[in-house]
């Protein structure tokens, strides 16, 4: 039963954070960001937010720094939009799975060309 609740809460956090990042944050360091996933602990005290950022490594690091700086604002806005007793701590991480998947697809395409 707890797994179902954490899944629903994670999806709601993902939805609300996506809206907040796109509409509310005005930091120029934030590039084109997509929130790909949210992993939340069973006690709802911490949430890992996985991001996909379009651009080079420097752009990714700048976006990560800007989101860390806006962490308090994002957390307070989440608390207002979603009724929590305690709003979870937010930890932002770059999601490399999309880049890894495209790399594997490129390698498979090269193998297919060689045959």
Protein backbone atom coordinates (compact mmCIF):
# COMPACT_ATOMS: atom_id res chain seq x y z
CA UNK A 1 0.00 0.00 0.00
CA UNK A 2 2.86 2.40 0.80
CA UNK A 3 4.43 1.79 -2.62
CA UNK A 4 1.25 2.93 -4.36
CA UNK A 5 1.15 6.15 -2.35
CA UNK A 6 4.82 6.97 -2.95
CA UNK A 7 4.30 6.37 -6.67
CA UNK A 8 1.32 8.73 -6.78
CA UNK A 9 3.11 11.38 -4.72
CA UNK A 10 6.18 11.05 -6.97
CA UNK A 11 4.11 11.58 -10.11
CA UNK A 12 2.37 14.59 -8.59
CA UNK A 13 5.72 16.11 -7.58
CA UNK A 14 7.01 15.51 -11.12
CA UNK A 15 3.99 17.26 -12.62
CA UNK A 16 4.09 20.25 -10.27
CA UNK A 17 7.87 20.71 -10.53
CA UNK A 18 7.69 20.64 -14.32
CA UNK A 19 5.17 23.47 -14.25
CA UNK A 20 7.18 25.42 -11.68
CA UNK A 21 10.47 25.16 -13.56
CA UNK A 22 8.92 26.17 -16.87
CA UNK A 23 6.68 29.00 -15.69
CA UNK A 24 7.92 30.36 -12.36
CA UNK A 25 11.73 30.24 -12.46
CA UNK A 26 13.33 33.14 -14.29
CA UNK A 27 17.00 32.19 -13.81
CA UNK A 28 18.85 32.54 -17.16
CA UNK A 29 21.18 29.65 -16.23
CA UNK A 30 18.30 27.20 -16.51
CA UNK A 31 18.25 25.77 -20.00
CA UNK A 32 15.79 23.43 -21.63
CA UNK A 33 14.99 21.06 -18.75
CA UNK A 34 12.77 17.99 -18.70
CA UNK A 35 12.00 16.23 -15.45
CA UNK A 36 12.26 12.55 -16.34
CA UNK A 37 11.53 10.97 -12.99
CA UNK A 38 11.08 11.31 -9.26
CA UNK A 39 12.26 8.75 -6.74
CA UNK A 40 10.81 9.31 -3.28
CA UNK A 41 11.59 7.53 -0.02
CA UNK A 42 8.91 5.51 1.77
CA UNK A 43 8.59 8.06 4.57
CA UNK A 44 8.21 10.90 2.01
CA UNK A 45 11.09 12.84 3.54
CA UNK A 46 13.42 12.95 0.53
CA UNK A 47 12.89 13.05 -3.20
CA UNK A 48 15.49 12.57 -5.94
CA UNK A 49 14.53 14.55 -9.03
CA UNK A 50 16.04 13.24 -12.28
CA UNK A 51 16.57 15.85 -15.00
CA UNK A 52 17.38 15.74 -18.66
CA UNK A 53 19.04 18.94 -19.89
CA UNK A 54 19.51 19.82 -23.54
CA UNK A 55 23.03 21.13 -24.16
CA UNK A 56 26.65 20.45 -23.35
CA UNK A 57 28.16 19.50 -19.98
CA UNK A 58 28.63 23.14 -18.97
CA UNK A 59 24.93 23.87 -19.59
CA UNK A 60 23.98 20.84 -17.50
CA UNK A 61 26.12 21.97 -14.56
CA UNK A 62 24.78 25.55 -14.74
CA UNK A 63 21.21 24.28 -14.74
CA UNK A 64 21.94 22.00 -11.78
CA UNK A 65 23.48 24.91 -9.81
CA UNK A 66 20.53 27.18 -10.59
CA UNK A 67 18.02 24.54 -9.45
CA UNK A 68 20.00 23.95 -6.25
CA UNK A 69 19.87 27.70 -5.58
CA UNK A 70 16.08 27.72 -6.18
CA UNK A 71 15.59 24.63 -4.00
CA UNK A 72 13.94 26.55 -1.14
CA UNK A 73 11.52 28.33 -3.45
CA UNK A 74 10.60 25.11 -5.26
CA UNK A 75 10.09 23.29 -1.97
CA UNK A 76 7.85 26.00 -0.54
CA UNK A 77 5.78 26.17 -3.73
CA UNK A 78 5.42 22.38 -3.70
CA UNK A 79 4.16 22.59 -0.13
CA UNK A 80 1.53 25.11 -1.19
CA UNK A 81 0.38 23.15 -4.24
CA UNK A 82 0.43 19.68 -2.69
CA UNK A 83 -0.82 19.38 0.89
CA UNK A 84 2.05 17.70 2.78
CA UNK A 85 2.60 17.53 6.50
CA UNK A 86 6.31 17.79 5.75
CA UNK A 87 7.49 18.76 2.28
CA UNK A 88 10.26 16.39 1.15
CA UNK A 89 13.83 17.56 0.65
CA UNK A 90 14.66 17.85 -3.03
CA UNK A 91 17.87 16.45 -4.52
CA UNK A 92 18.50 17.13 -8.22
CA UNK A 93 20.43 14.66 -10.38
CA UNK A 94 21.21 14.61 -14.10
CA UNK A 95 19.56 11.66 -15.86
CA UNK A 96 22.04 10.16 -18.30
CA UNK A 97 19.76 7.33 -19.46
CA UNK A 98 18.52 9.18 -22.56
CA UNK A 99 22.07 9.96 -23.73
CA UNK A 100 23.11 6.38 -22.97
CA UNK A 101 20.16 5.01 -24.95
CA UNK A 102 20.95 7.17 -27.98
CA UNK A 103 24.61 6.07 -27.78
CA UNK A 104 23.57 2.39 -27.80
CA UNK A 105 21.20 3.05 -30.70
CA UNK A 106 24.02 4.73 -32.64
CA UNK A 107 26.33 1.75 -32.02
CA UNK A 108 23.65 -0.68 -33.17
CA UNK A 109 23.14 1.42 -36.30
CA UNK A 110 26.86 1.25 -37.08
CA UNK A 111 26.85 -2.53 -36.62
CA UNK A 112 23.86 -2.77 -38.97
CA UNK A 113 25.69 -0.68 -41.63
CA UNK A 114 28.77 -2.91 -41.45
CA UNK A 115 26.78 -6.07 -42.12
